[in-house]
């Protein structure tokens, strides 16, 4: 078991990948299970509606005091063009987790270290976010039509996060932090590190910018939510880098030393000591 785990850690965190072996497919299953668990846990915490609405009004008061409550104006500008609405709906829905999955699979086959970095950063930030969702629920702007907000995904694209099929995975009061923004930043930074291709770098940078706009103009997040998403993802990315550079190698080395001791057996002295004892 230790040998398999050591080889797994060594391969999945390798700087250069030698392709995809059948044994590596277990990683895809483990990552899928971890993200499924995250979404299920997030969807299970859907109560405290009164607190969620109170916190949303608090955020509006904070932004208004700073002259930053611009979300109604931005969405009103977008609503003047149905094409713009449909475009940002597409960005919000499809250039989030579906894009992360696609890029993750490419990195899995081409740059295992950067795949692991993206996977860990997303999962760690998701864990941080779950704590915030539970302790500080916030209703999204689309729940406040009195301020002029419209749920553009439901009205224009017939995409509702509260549909019967997706309801178990959705928490309507998980507006803070916005991982749409945070994960778009993680994706951009990871791809920027993984390649020097200017088109790939420009593409992920553009996705981050567009996602930061879409979360507001679709009525799903306040500006505060996006900033919170970045603040949550920054330490998660730092931890993921530490795991890549120190954590995984140290753990793999520990497993290797444990395996060597178990192979020598409890009654055998470490290599070198028996020779010195006989002199």
C-alpha atoms as a PDB file:
ATOM      1  CA  UNK A   1       0.000   0.000   0.000  1.00  0.00           C
ATOM      2  CA  UNK A   2       2.802   2.414   0.923  1.00  0.00           C
ATOM      3  CA  UNK A   3       4.658   1.580  -2.291  1.00  0.00           C
ATOM      4  CA  UNK A   4       1.581   2.294  -4.403  1.00  0.00           C
ATOM      5  CA  UNK A   5       0.946   5.578  -2.578  1.00  0.00           C
ATOM      6  CA  UNK A   6       4.571   6.668  -2.946  1.00  0.00           C
ATOM      7  CA  UNK A   7       4.588   5.891  -6.667  1.00  0.00           C
ATOM      8  CA  UNK A   8       1.239   7.658  -7.073  1.00  0.00           C
ATOM      9  CA  UNK A   9       2.444  10.839  -5.382  1.00  0.00           C
ATOM     10  CA  UNK A  10       5.694  10.776  -7.335  1.00  0.00           C
ATOM     11  CA  UNK A  11       3.936  10.417 -10.666  1.00  0.00           C
ATOM     12  CA  UNK A  12       1.020  12.760 -10.141  1.00  0.00           C
ATOM     13  CA  UNK A  13       3.255  15.598  -8.933  1.00  0.00           C
ATOM     14  CA  UNK A  14       6.051  15.076 -11.460  1.00  0.00           C
ATOM     15  CA  UNK A  15       7.257  18.193 -13.233  1.00  0.00           C
ATOM     16  CA  UNK A  16       7.233  16.381 -16.559  1.00  0.00           C
ATOM     17  CA  UNK A  17       4.599  13.823 -17.403  1.00  0.00           C
ATOM     18  CA  UNK A  18       5.310  10.777 -19.521  1.00  0.00           C
ATOM     19  CA  UNK A  19       1.720  10.593 -20.707  1.00  0.00           C
ATOM     20  CA  UNK A  20      -1.284   8.926 -19.164  1.00  0.00           C
ATOM     21  CA  UNK A  21      -1.110   5.387 -17.838  1.00  0.00           C
ATOM     22  CA  UNK A  22      -4.169   3.342 -16.978  1.00  0.00           C
ATOM     23  CA  UNK A  23      -3.248   3.562 -13.301  1.00  0.00           C
ATOM     24  CA  UNK A  24      -3.502   7.349 -13.524  1.00  0.00           C
ATOM     25  CA  UNK A  25      -7.213   7.138 -14.249  1.00  0.00           C
ATOM     26  CA  UNK A  26      -7.748   6.567 -10.530  1.00  0.00           C
ATOM     27  CA  UNK A  27      -6.684  10.182 -10.035  1.00  0.00           C
ATOM     28  CA  UNK A  28      -9.536  11.387 -12.221  1.00  0.00           C
ATOM     29  CA  UNK A  29     -11.958   9.371 -10.129  1.00  0.00           C
ATOM     30  CA  UNK A  30     -10.548  10.698  -6.861  1.00  0.00           C
ATOM     31  CA  UNK A  31     -10.637  14.305  -8.061  1.00  0.00           C
ATOM     32  CA  UNK A  32     -14.207  13.891  -9.352  1.00  0.00           C
ATOM     33  CA  UNK A  33     -15.292  12.417  -6.002  1.00  0.00           C
ATOM     34  CA  UNK A  34     -13.657  15.283  -4.101  1.00  0.00           C
ATOM     35  CA  UNK A  35     -15.368  17.969  -6.171  1.00  0.00           C
ATOM     36  CA  UNK A  36     -18.689  16.092  -5.969  1.00  0.00           C
ATOM     37  CA  UNK A  37     -18.347  16.046  -2.180  1.00  0.00           C
ATOM     38  CA  UNK A  38     -17.667  19.807  -2.197  1.00  0.00           C
ATOM     39  CA  UNK A  39     -20.774  20.586  -4.229  1.00  0.00           C
ATOM     40  CA  UNK A  40     -22.947  18.253  -2.132  1.00  0.00           C
ATOM     41  CA  UNK A  41     -21.787  19.832   1.117  1.00  0.00           C
ATOM     42  CA  UNK A  42     -22.291  23.320  -0.290  1.00  0.00           C
ATOM     43  CA  UNK A  43     -25.797  22.410  -1.420  1.00  0.00           C
ATOM     44  CA  UNK A  44     -26.685  20.975   1.974  1.00  0.00           C
ATOM     45  CA  UNK A  45     -26.305  24.315   3.770  1.00  0.00           C
ATOM     46  CA  UNK A  46     -29.280  26.252   2.418  1.00  0.00           C
ATOM     47  CA  UNK A  47     -31.056  27.522   5.529  1.00  0.00           C
ATOM     48  CA  UNK A  48     -30.700  30.857   7.422  1.00  0.00           C
ATOM     49  CA  UNK A  49     -32.438  32.857   4.702  1.00  0.00           C
ATOM     50  CA  UNK A  50     -33.030  35.803   7.036  1.00  0.00           C
ATOM     51  CA  UNK A  51     -29.311  36.079   7.791  1.00  0.00           C
ATOM     52  CA  UNK A  52     -28.489  35.773   4.086  1.00  0.00           C
ATOM     53  CA  UNK A  53     -30.723  38.693   3.134  1.00  0.00           C
ATOM     54  CA  UNK A  54     -29.493  40.794   6.062  1.00  0.00           C
ATOM     55  CA  UNK A  55     -25.865  40.190   5.089  1.00  0.00           C
ATOM     56  CA  UNK A  56     -26.600  41.132   1.466  1.00  0.00           C
ATOM     57  CA  UNK A  57     -28.108  44.453   2.565  1.00  0.00           C
ATOM     58  CA  UNK A  58     -25.074  44.995   4.787  1.00  0.00           C
ATOM     59  CA  UNK A  59     -22.767  44.526   1.793  1.00  0.00           C
ATOM     60  CA  UNK A  60     -24.834  46.985  -0.237  1.00  0.00           C
ATOM     61  CA  UNK A  61     -24.534  49.527   2.589  1.00  0.00           C
ATOM     62  CA  UNK A  62     -20.747  49.050   2.681  1.00  0.00           C
ATOM     63  CA  UNK A  63     -20.387  49.499  -1.063  1.00  0.00           C
ATOM     64  CA  UNK A  64     -22.780  52.460  -1.144  1.00  0.00           C
ATOM     65  CA  UNK A  65     -20.785  54.195   1.582  1.00  0.00           C
ATOM     66  CA  UNK A  66     -17.698  53.845  -0.626  1.00  0.00           C
ATOM     67  CA  UNK A  67     -19.568  54.885  -3.771  1.00  0.00           C
ATOM     68  CA  UNK A  68     -19.163  51.384  -5.227  1.00  0.00           C
ATOM     69  CA  UNK A  69     -22.748  50.169  -5.448  1.00  0.00           C
ATOM     70  CA  UNK A  70     -22.673  50.130  -9.239  1.00  0.00           C
ATOM     71  CA  UNK A  71     -24.144  46.668  -9.876  1.00  0.00           C
ATOM     72  CA  UNK A  72     -27.669  47.880 -10.823  1.00  0.00           C
ATOM     73  CA  UNK A  73     -26.241  50.323 -13.359  1.00  0.00           C
ATOM     74  CA  UNK A  74     -23.947  47.714 -14.876  1.00  0.00           C
ATOM     75  CA  UNK A  75     -26.757  45.205 -15.271  1.00  0.00           C
ATOM     76  CA  UNK A  76     -29.108  47.850 -16.662  1.00  0.00           C
ATOM     77  CA  UNK A  77     -26.491  48.671 -19.299  1.00  0.00           C
ATOM     78  CA  UNK A  78     -26.144  44.995 -20.206  1.00  0.00           C
ATOM     79  CA  UNK A  79     -29.897  44.432 -20.425  1.00  0.00           C
ATOM     80  CA  UNK A  80     -30.089  46.908 -23.297  1.00  0.00           C
ATOM     81  CA  UNK A  81     -28.636  44.220 -25.580  1.00  0.00           C
ATOM     82  CA  UNK A  82     -29.995  40.689 -25.560  1.00  0.00           C
ATOM     83  CA  UNK A  83     -26.843  39.520 -27.336  1.00  0.00           C
ATOM     84  CA  UNK A  84     -24.721  40.904 -24.485  1.00  0.00           C
ATOM     85  CA  UNK A  85     -26.940  39.188 -21.920  1.00  0.00           C
ATOM     86  CA  UNK A  86     -26.678  35.832 -23.696  1.00  0.00           C
ATOM     87  CA  UNK A  87     -22.922  36.251 -24.054  1.00  0.00           C
ATOM     88  CA  UNK A  88     -22.360  36.893 -20.346  1.00  0.00           C
ATOM     89  CA  UNK A  89     -24.767  34.090 -19.443  1.00  0.00           C
ATOM     90  CA  UNK A  90     -22.567  31.782 -21.517  1.00  0.00           C
ATOM     91  CA  UNK A  91     -19.428  33.059 -19.788  1.00  0.00           C
ATOM     92  CA  UNK A  92     -20.909  32.634 -16.319  1.00  0.00           C
ATOM     93  CA  UNK A  93     -22.207  29.120 -16.890  1.00  0.00           C
ATOM     94  CA  UNK A  94     -19.772  27.474 -19.320  1.00  0.00           C
ATOM     95  CA  UNK A  95     -16.479  29.270 -18.686  1.00  0.00           C
ATOM     96  CA  UNK A  96     -16.503  28.315 -15.030  1.00  0.00           C
ATOM     97  CA  UNK A  97     -16.293  24.690 -13.842  1.00  0.00           C
ATOM     98  CA  UNK A  98     -16.748  23.136 -17.325  1.00  0.00           C
ATOM     99  CA  UNK A  99     -13.699  25.071 -18.549  1.00  0.00           C
ATOM    100  CA  UNK A 100     -11.713  24.151 -15.439  1.00  0.00           C
ATOM    101  CA  UNK A 101     -12.450  20.470 -16.118  1.00  0.00           C
ATOM    102  CA  UNK A 102     -11.334  20.788 -19.739  1.00  0.00           C
ATOM    103  CA  UNK A 103      -8.108  22.615 -18.884  1.00  0.00           C
ATOM    104  CA  UNK A 104      -7.479  20.237 -16.006  1.00  0.00           C
ATOM    105  CA  UNK A 105      -7.636  17.230 -18.319  1.00  0.00           C
ATOM    106  CA  UNK A 106      -5.184  18.869 -20.719  1.00  0.00           C
ATOM    107  CA  UNK A 107      -2.786  19.616 -17.862  1.00  0.00           C
ATOM    108  CA  UNK A 108      -3.246  16.078 -16.541  1.00  0.00           C
ATOM    109  CA  UNK A 109      -1.869  14.701 -19.797  1.00  0.00           C
ATOM    110  CA  UNK A 110       0.779  17.340 -20.488  1.00  0.00           C
ATOM    111  CA  UNK A 111       1.941  18.887 -17.203  1.00  0.00           C
ATOM    112  CA  UNK A 112       1.079  16.797 -14.173  1.00  0.00           C
ATOM    113  CA  UNK A 113       2.617  19.239 -11.693  1.00  0.00           C
ATOM    114  CA  UNK A 114       0.422  22.104 -12.892  1.00  0.00           C
ATOM    115  CA  UNK A 115      -2.637  19.858 -12.940  1.00  0.00           C
ATOM    116  CA  UNK A 116      -1.982  18.971  -9.296  1.00  0.00           C
ATOM    117  CA  UNK A 117      -1.443  22.635  -8.477  1.00  0.00           C
ATOM    118  CA  UNK A 118      -4.791  23.630 -10.018  1.00  0.00           C
ATOM    119  CA  UNK A 119      -6.619  20.694  -8.428  1.00  0.00           C
ATOM    120  CA  UNK A 120      -5.268  21.377  -4.948  1.00  0.00           C
ATOM    121  CA  UNK A 121      -5.814  25.136  -5.130  1.00  0.00           C
ATOM    122  CA  UNK A 122      -9.448  24.694  -6.195  1.00  0.00           C
ATOM    123  CA  UNK A 123     -10.198  22.071  -3.547  1.00  0.00           C
ATOM    124  CA  UNK A 124      -8.472  23.976  -0.732  1.00  0.00           C
ATOM    125  CA  UNK A 125     -10.207  27.236  -1.650  1.00  0.00           C
ATOM    126  CA  UNK A 126     -13.470  25.304  -1.864  1.00  0.00           C
ATOM    127  CA  UNK A 127     -12.900  24.100   1.704  1.00  0.00           C
ATOM    128  CA  UNK A 128     -12.280  27.668   2.863  1.00  0.00           C
ATOM    129  CA  UNK A 129     -15.390  28.812   1.012  1.00  0.00           C
ATOM    130  CA  UNK A 130     -17.565  26.184   2.723  1.00  0.00           C
ATOM    131  CA  UNK A 131     -16.631  27.708   6.074  1.00  0.00           C
ATOM    132  CA  UNK A 132     -17.667  31.172   4.860  1.00  0.00           C
ATOM    133  CA  UNK A 133     -20.901  29.872   3.305  1.00  0.00           C
ATOM    134  CA  UNK A 134     -21.855  28.347   6.638  1.00  0.00           C
ATOM    135  CA  UNK A 135     -20.790  31.269   8.845  1.00  0.00           C
ATOM    136  CA  UNK A 136     -21.750  34.186   6.567  1.00  0.00           C
ATOM    137  CA  UNK A 137     -24.577  33.263   4.144  1.00  0.00           C
ATOM    138  CA  UNK A 138     -25.349  35.974   1.603  1.00  0.00           C
ATOM    139  CA  UNK A 139     -28.254  36.243  -0.824  1.00  0.00           C
ATOM    140  CA  UNK A 140     -27.185  37.119  -4.392  1.00  0.00           C
ATOM    141  CA  UNK A 141     -28.384  40.311  -6.116  1.00  0.00           C
ATOM    142  CA  UNK A 142     -30.918  38.404  -8.259  1.00  0.00           C
ATOM    143  CA  UNK A 143     -32.998  37.960  -5.095  1.00  0.00           C
ATOM    144  CA  UNK A 144     -33.563  41.729  -4.914  1.00  0.00           C
ATOM    145  CA  UNK A 145     -35.823  42.791  -7.815  1.00  0.00           C
ATOM    146  CA  UNK A 146     -36.701  45.942  -5.839  1.00  0.00           C
ATOM    147  CA  UNK A 147     -33.201  47.185  -6.680  1.00  0.00           C
ATOM    148  CA  UNK A 148     -33.741  46.433 -10.354  1.00  0.00           C
ATOM    149  CA  UNK A 149     -31.848  43.135 -10.497  1.00  0.00           C
ATOM    150  CA  UNK A 150     -32.833  40.406 -12.964  1.00  0.00           C
ATOM    151  CA  UNK A 151     -31.847  36.736 -12.915  1.00  0.00           C
ATOM    152  CA  UNK A 152     -30.597  36.754 -16.493  1.00  0.00           C
ATOM    153  CA  UNK A 153     -29.736  33.052 -16.594  1.00  0.00           C
ATOM    154  CA  UNK A 154     -33.300  32.047 -15.800  1.00  0.00           C
ATOM    155  CA  UNK A 155     -35.080  34.749 -17.803  1.00  0.00           C
ATOM    156  CA  UNK A 156     -32.963  34.754 -20.965  1.00  0.00           C
ATOM    157  CA  UNK A 157     -31.246  31.355 -21.079  1.00  0.00           C
ATOM    158  CA  UNK A 158     -33.632  29.084 -19.151  1.00  0.00           C
ATOM    159  CA  UNK A 159     -30.702  28.094 -16.916  1.00  0.00           C
ATOM    160  CA  UNK A 160     -31.756  27.932 -13.296  1.00  0.00           C
ATOM    161  CA  UNK A 161     -29.458  26.792 -10.523  1.00  0.00           C
ATOM    162  CA  UNK A 162     -32.581  25.831  -8.565  1.00  0.00           C
ATOM    163  CA  UNK A 163     -33.791  23.336 -11.148  1.00  0.00           C
ATOM    164  CA  UNK A 164     -34.844  19.911  -9.874  1.00  0.00           C
ATOM    165  CA  UNK A 165     -31.761  18.211 -11.314  1.00  0.00           C
ATOM    166  CA  UNK A 166     -29.208  20.636  -9.848  1.00  0.00           C
ATOM    167  CA  UNK A 167     -30.847  21.569  -6.546  1.00  0.00           C
ATOM    168  CA  UNK A 168     -28.863  19.061  -4.411  1.00  0.00           C
ATOM    169  CA  UNK A 169     -25.617  20.747  -5.509  1.00  0.00           C
ATOM    170  CA  UNK A 170     -26.682  24.372  -5.121  1.00  0.00           C
ATOM    171  CA  UNK A 171     -26.732  26.733  -2.178  1.00  0.00           C
ATOM    172  CA  UNK A 172     -28.680  29.871  -3.168  1.00  0.00           C
ATOM    173  CA  UNK A 173     -27.067  31.801  -0.307  1.00  0.00           C
ATOM    174  CA  UNK A 174     -23.442  31.002  -1.232  1.00  0.00           C
ATOM    175  CA  UNK A 175     -22.712  34.340  -2.874  1.00  0.00           C
ATOM    176  CA  UNK A 176     -19.673  35.093  -0.702  1.00  0.00           C
ATOM    177  CA  UNK A 177     -17.022  34.286  -1.736  1.00  0.00           C
ATOM    178  CA  UNK A 178     -17.497  34.169  -5.500  1.00  0.00           C
ATOM    179  CA  UNK A 179     -15.464  31.178  -6.624  1.00  0.00           C
ATOM    180  CA  UNK A 180     -16.460  32.028 -10.187  1.00  0.00           C
ATOM    181  CA  UNK A 181     -13.987  34.887  -9.852  1.00  0.00           C
ATOM    182  CA  UNK A 182     -11.543  33.104  -7.561  1.00  0.00           C
ATOM    183  CA  UNK A 183     -11.299  29.934  -9.628  1.00  0.00           C
ATOM    184  CA  UNK A 184     -10.983  31.960 -12.846  1.00  0.00           C
ATOM    185  CA  UNK A 185      -7.960  33.634 -11.228  1.00  0.00           C
ATOM    186  CA  UNK A 186      -6.499  30.256 -10.203  1.00  0.00           C
ATOM    187  CA  UNK A 187      -7.004  28.971 -13.739  1.00  0.00           C
ATOM    188  CA  UNK A 188      -5.316  32.020 -15.248  1.00  0.00           C
ATOM    189  CA  UNK A 189      -2.295  31.884 -12.942  1.00  0.00           C
ATOM    190  CA  UNK A 190      -1.820  28.123 -13.352  1.00  0.00           C
ATOM    191  CA  UNK A 191      -2.017  28.186 -17.146  1.00  0.00           C
ATOM    192  CA  UNK A 192       0.307  31.215 -17.193  1.00  0.00           C
ATOM    193  CA  UNK A 193       2.835  29.158 -15.229  1.00  0.00           C
ATOM    194  CA  UNK A 194       2.328  26.030 -17.338  1.00  0.00           C
ATOM    195  CA  UNK A 195       2.918  27.511 -20.788  1.00  0.00           C
ATOM    196  CA  UNK A 196       4.580  30.375 -22.605  1.00  0.00           C
ATOM    197  CA  UNK A 197       2.076  30.222 -25.431  1.00  0.00           C
ATOM    198  CA  UNK A 198       0.832  33.825 -25.781  1.00  0.00           C
ATOM    199  CA  UNK A 199      -2.600  32.728 -27.046  1.00  0.00           C
ATOM    200  CA  UNK A 200      -3.180  30.418 -24.101  1.00  0.00           C
ATOM    201  CA  UNK A 201      -2.060  33.083 -21.659  1.00  0.00           C
ATOM    202  CA  UNK A 202      -4.187  35.760 -23.285  1.00  0.00           C
ATOM    203  CA  UNK A 203      -7.156  33.391 -23.350  1.00  0.00           C
ATOM    204  CA  UNK A 204      -7.167  32.608 -19.631  1.00  0.00           C
ATOM    205  CA  UNK A 205      -6.526  36.255 -18.745  1.00  0.00           C
ATOM    206  CA  UNK A 206      -9.525  37.223 -20.875  1.00  0.00           C
ATOM    207  CA  UNK A 207     -11.650  34.542 -19.195  1.00  0.00           C
ATOM    208  CA  UNK A 208     -10.789  36.020 -15.793  1.00  0.00           C
ATOM    209  CA  UNK A 209     -11.791  39.521 -16.903  1.00  0.00           C
ATOM    210  CA  UNK A 210     -15.013  38.348 -18.544  1.00  0.00           C
ATOM    211  CA  UNK A 211     -15.937  36.162 -15.567  1.00  0.00           C
ATOM    212  CA  UNK A 212     -15.391  39.083 -13.194  1.00  0.00           C
ATOM    213  CA  UNK A 213     -17.862  41.099 -15.280  1.00  0.00           C
ATOM    214  CA  UNK A 214     -20.367  38.295 -15.815  1.00  0.00           C
ATOM    215  CA  UNK A 215     -20.873  37.568 -12.115  1.00  0.00           C
ATOM    216  CA  UNK A 216     -22.152  41.124 -11.709  1.00  0.00           C
ATOM    217  CA  UNK A 217     -24.179  41.685 -14.864  1.00  0.00           C
ATOM    218  CA  UNK A 218     -25.981  38.334 -14.533  1.00  0.00           C
ATOM    219  CA  UNK A 219     -27.211  39.338 -11.071  1.00  0.00           C
ATOM    220  CA  UNK A 220     -25.331  36.601  -9.241  1.00  0.00           C
ATOM    221  CA  UNK A 221     -22.736  38.523  -7.231  1.00  0.00           C
ATOM    222  CA  UNK A 222     -21.835  41.876  -5.787  1.00  0.00           C
ATOM    223  CA  UNK A 223     -18.378  43.378  -6.305  1.00  0.00           C
ATOM    224  CA  UNK A 224     -17.615  42.457  -2.699  1.00  0.00           C
ATOM    225  CA  UNK A 225     -18.204  38.784  -3.496  1.00  0.00           C
ATOM    226  CA  UNK A 226     -15.589  38.757  -6.237  1.00  0.00           C
ATOM    227  CA  UNK A 227     -13.003  40.394  -3.982  1.00  0.00           C
ATOM    228  CA  UNK A 228     -13.784  37.821  -1.303  1.00  0.00           C
ATOM    229  CA  UNK A 229     -13.256  35.078  -3.883  1.00  0.00           C
ATOM    230  CA  UNK A 230      -9.765  36.372  -4.638  1.00  0.00           C
ATOM    231  CA  UNK A 231      -8.937  36.673  -0.926  1.00  0.00           C
ATOM    232  CA  UNK A 232     -10.002  33.068  -0.329  1.00  0.00           C
ATOM    233  CA  UNK A 233      -8.101  31.683  -3.320  1.00  0.00           C
ATOM    234  CA  UNK A 234      -4.813  33.493  -2.635  1.00  0.00           C
ATOM    235  CA  UNK A 235      -3.849  31.510   0.507  1.00  0.00           C
ATOM    236  CA  UNK A 236      -5.234  28.324  -1.070  1.00  0.00           C
ATOM    237  CA  UNK A 237      -2.858  28.773  -3.999  1.00  0.00           C
ATOM    238  CA  UNK A 238       0.047  29.403  -1.622  1.00  0.00           C
ATOM    239  CA  UNK A 239      -0.734  26.161   0.230  1.00  0.00           C
ATOM    240  CA  UNK A 240      -1.001  24.282  -3.080  1.00  0.00           C
ATOM    241  CA  UNK A 241       2.458  25.553  -4.084  1.00  0.00           C
ATOM    242  CA  UNK A 242       3.881  24.470  -0.710  1.00  0.00           C
ATOM    243  CA  UNK A 243       2.372  21.000  -1.165  1.00  0.00           C
ATOM    244  CA  UNK A 244       3.914  20.788  -4.625  1.00  0.00           C
ATOM    245  CA  UNK A 245       7.388  21.890  -3.571  1.00  0.00           C
ATOM    246  CA  UNK A 246       7.665  20.558  -0.024  1.00  0.00           C
ATOM    247  CA  UNK A 247       4.625  18.638   1.176  1.00  0.00           C
ATOM    248  CA  UNK A 248       4.305  15.868  -1.412  1.00  0.00           C
ATOM    249  CA  UNK A 249       8.072  15.239  -1.793  1.00  0.00           C
ATOM    250  CA  UNK A 250       8.498  15.050   1.997  1.00  0.00           C
ATOM    251  CA  UNK A 251       5.569  12.688   2.380  1.00  0.00           C
ATOM    252  CA  UNK A 252       6.773  10.503  -0.482  1.00  0.00           C
ATOM    253  CA  UNK A 253      10.267  10.381   1.050  1.00  0.00           C
ATOM    254  CA  UNK A 254       8.780   9.425   4.415  1.00  0.00           C
ATOM    255  CA  UNK A 255       6.853   6.586   2.813  1.00  0.00           C
ATOM    256  CA  UNK A 256      10.042   5.397   1.101  1.00  0.00           C
ATOM    257  CA  UNK A 257      12.020   5.342   4.368  1.00  0.00           C
ATOM    258  CA  UNK A 258       9.187   3.504   6.109  1.00  0.00           C
ATOM    259  CA  UNK A 259       9.157   0.907   3.322  1.00  0.00           C
ATOM    260  CA  UNK A 260      12.916   0.388   3.607  1.00  0.00           C
ATOM    261  CA  UNK A 261      12.691  -0.132   7.376  1.00  0.00           C
ATOM    262  CA  UNK A 262       9.842  -2.621   6.960  1.00  0.00           C
ATOM    263  CA  UNK A 263      11.839  -4.563   4.330  1.00  0.00           C
ATOM    264  CA  UNK A 264      14.862  -4.863   6.656  1.00  0.00           C
ATOM    265  CA  UNK A 265      12.644  -6.207   9.398  1.00  0.00           C
ATOM    266  CA  UNK A 266      12.498  -5.280  13.107  1.00  0.00           C
ATOM    267  CA  UNK A 267      15.517  -7.367  14.084  1.00  0.00           C
ATOM    268  CA  UNK A 268      17.940  -6.014  11.505  1.00  0.00           C
ATOM    269  CA  UNK A 269      20.148  -3.011  12.059  1.00  0.00           C
ATOM    270  CA  UNK A 270      20.199  -0.213   9.513  1.00  0.00           C
ATOM    271  CA  UNK A 271      22.700  -0.560   6.688  1.00  0.00           C
ATOM    272  CA  UNK A 272      26.226   0.302   7.816  1.00  0.00           C
ATOM    273  CA  UNK A 273      25.708  -0.226  11.547  1.00  0.00           C
ATOM    274  CA  UNK A 274      26.227  -4.013  11.413  1.00  0.00           C
ATOM    275  CA  UNK A 275      29.564  -3.517   9.651  1.00  0.00           C
ATOM    276  CA  UNK A 276      30.779  -1.035  12.261  1.00  0.00           C
ATOM    277  CA  UNK A 277      29.615  -3.329  15.074  1.00  0.00           C
ATOM    278  CA  UNK A 278      31.811  -6.178  13.748  1.00  0.00           C
ATOM    279  CA  UNK A 279      35.026  -4.168  13.610  1.00  0.00           C
END
